Structure formats: C-alpha cells, structure tokens
Amino acid sequence: MGIQDKIGNKVEDLGGKAKEATGKATDDHEMQAEGKADQTSASVKNAGEHVKDAAKDVKDGLTK
C-alpha cells in the first residue's frame, strides 16, 4: 500500500470521527451519520489496499 493511500485513508477516517463528534455535540443526526459513513469508507479502502498488498506478496513469492 502506498504511503499516499495510507495518509488519505487516515485523513478520511479522522475527518469522519470529527464530523461524528460534532454531530453528537450539536445533536445533528445527519452529520453523525455522515461521519460514520466517512469512517466506513476509509475502512473499506484500507481493507482493499491490504488485499492488494497480500496479492502482490503472493505473486512475489511465486516468482522467486
């Protein structure tokens, strides 16, 4: 996984946490939901990157 992808996913996750916290503090249920969705999106992207890394490791192992 590239460092740019890791950083982008972490930024999205942290932004989602901030959005969710702001939504809770202001009793804005829509903002809370958006924050949770942002966190979920970051997690899914992160999982996809891990799958790509694992596939690359398998490929590298087979070609050595």
C-alpha atoms as a PDB file:
ATOM      1  CA  MET A   1       0.000   0.000   0.000  1.00  0.00           C
ATOM      2  CA  GLY A   2       1.390   3.388  -0.947  1.00  0.00           C
ATOM      3  CA  ILE A   3       2.060   5.967   1.715  1.00  0.00           C
ATOM      4  CA  GLN A   4      -0.260   8.394  -0.091  1.00  0.00           C
ATOM      5  CA  ASP A   5      -3.117   5.902   0.187  1.00  0.00           C
ATOM      6  CA  LYS A   6      -2.414   5.295   3.879  1.00  0.00           C
ATOM      7  CA  ILE A   7      -2.385   9.008   4.598  1.00  0.00           C
ATOM      8  CA  GLY A   8      -5.548   9.633   2.603  1.00  0.00           C
ATOM      9  CA  ASN A   9      -7.411   6.837   4.360  1.00  0.00           C
ATOM     10  CA  LYS A  10      -6.291   8.064   7.788  1.00  0.00           C
ATOM     11  CA  VAL A  11      -7.309  11.644   6.978  1.00  0.00           C
ATOM     12  CA  GLU A  12     -10.739  10.445   5.835  1.00  0.00           C
ATOM     13  CA  ASP A  13     -11.134   8.353   8.997  1.00  0.00           C
ATOM     14  CA  LEU A  14     -10.128  11.217  11.296  1.00  0.00           C
ATOM     15  CA  GLY A  15     -12.390  13.628   9.429  1.00  0.00           C
ATOM     16  CA  GLY A  16     -15.258  11.187   9.862  1.00  0.00           C
ATOM     17  CA  LYS A  17     -14.582  10.906  13.595  1.00  0.00           C
ATOM     18  CA  ALA A  18     -14.538  14.697  13.910  1.00  0.00           C
ATOM     19  CA  LYS A  19     -17.742  15.009  11.913  1.00  0.00           C
ATOM     20  CA  GLU A  20     -19.442  12.351  14.037  1.00  0.00           C
ATOM     21  CA  ALA A  21     -18.327  14.050  17.275  1.00  0.00           C
ATOM     22  CA  THR A  22     -19.554  17.425  16.037  1.00  0.00           C
ATOM     23  CA  GLY A  23     -22.871  15.855  15.095  1.00  0.00           C
ATOM     24  CA  LYS A  24     -23.220  14.362  18.572  1.00  0.00           C
ATOM     25  CA  ALA A  25     -22.329  17.669  20.226  1.00  0.00           C
ATOM     26  CA  THR A  26     -24.855  19.613  18.157  1.00  0.00           C
ATOM     27  CA  ASP A  27     -27.492  16.854  18.108  1.00  0.00           C
ATOM     28  CA  ASP A  28     -27.220  16.754  14.305  1.00  0.00           C
ATOM     29  CA  HIS A  29     -28.070  13.167  13.417  1.00  0.00           C
ATOM     30  CA  GLU A  30     -27.360  13.683   9.717  1.00  0.00           C
ATOM     31  CA  MET A  31     -23.826  14.886  10.442  1.00  0.00           C
ATOM     32  CA  GLN A  32     -23.283  11.928  12.781  1.00  0.00           C
ATOM     33  CA  ALA A  33     -24.350   9.548  10.026  1.00  0.00           C
ATOM     34  CA  GLU A  34     -22.068  11.261   7.505  1.00  0.00           C
ATOM     35  CA  GLY A  35     -19.168  10.913   9.918  1.00  0.00           C
ATOM     36  CA  LYS A  36     -19.819   7.213  10.387  1.00  0.00           C
ATOM     37  CA  ALA A  37     -20.107   6.778   6.613  1.00  0.00           C
ATOM     38  CA  ASP A  38     -16.764   8.526   6.106  1.00  0.00           C
ATOM     39  CA  GLN A  39     -15.142   6.207   8.650  1.00  0.00           C
ATOM     40  CA  THR A  40     -16.652   3.145   6.989  1.00  0.00           C
ATOM     41  CA  SER A  41     -15.460   4.313   3.583  1.00  0.00           C
ATOM     42  CA  ALA A  42     -11.919   4.749   4.897  1.00  0.00           C
ATOM     43  CA  SER A  43     -12.008   1.272   6.442  1.00  0.00           C
ATOM     44  CA  VAL A  44     -13.189  -0.325   3.202  1.00  0.00           C
ATOM     45  CA  LYS A  45     -10.477   1.447   1.212  1.00  0.00           C
ATOM     46  CA  ASN A  46      -7.878   0.382   3.754  1.00  0.00           C
ATOM     47  CA  ALA A  47      -9.035  -3.243   3.534  1.00  0.00           C
ATOM     48  CA  GLY A  48      -8.803  -3.086  -0.265  1.00  0.00           C
ATOM     49  CA  GLU A  49      -5.244  -1.835  -0.025  1.00  0.00           C
ATOM     50  CA  HIS A  50      -4.369  -4.724   2.306  1.00  0.00           C
ATOM     51  CA  VAL A  51      -5.814  -7.198  -0.200  1.00  0.00           C
ATOM     52  CA  LYS A  52      -3.705  -5.665  -2.974  1.00  0.00           C
ATOM     53  CA  ASP A  53      -0.614  -5.885  -0.773  1.00  0.00           C
ATOM     54  CA  ALA A  54      -1.315  -9.539   0.044  1.00  0.00           C
ATOM     55  CA  ALA A  55      -1.835 -10.388  -3.627  1.00  0.00           C
ATOM     56  CA  LYS A  56       1.449  -8.706  -4.507  1.00  0.00           C
ATOM     57  CA  ASP A  57       3.234 -10.667  -1.756  1.00  0.00           C
ATOM     58  CA  VAL A  58       1.811 -13.938  -3.096  1.00  0.00           C
ATOM     59  CA  LYS A  59       2.822 -13.042  -6.637  1.00  0.00           C
ATOM     60  CA  ASP A  60       6.324 -12.107  -5.485  1.00  0.00           C
ATOM     61  CA  GLY A  61       6.596 -15.370  -3.562  1.00  0.00           C
ATOM     62  CA  LEU A  62       5.638 -17.420  -6.602  1.00  0.00           C
ATOM     63  CA  THR A  63       8.103 -15.714  -8.915  1.00  0.00           C
ATOM     64  CA  LYS A  64      11.149 -16.133  -6.654  1.00  0.00           C
END
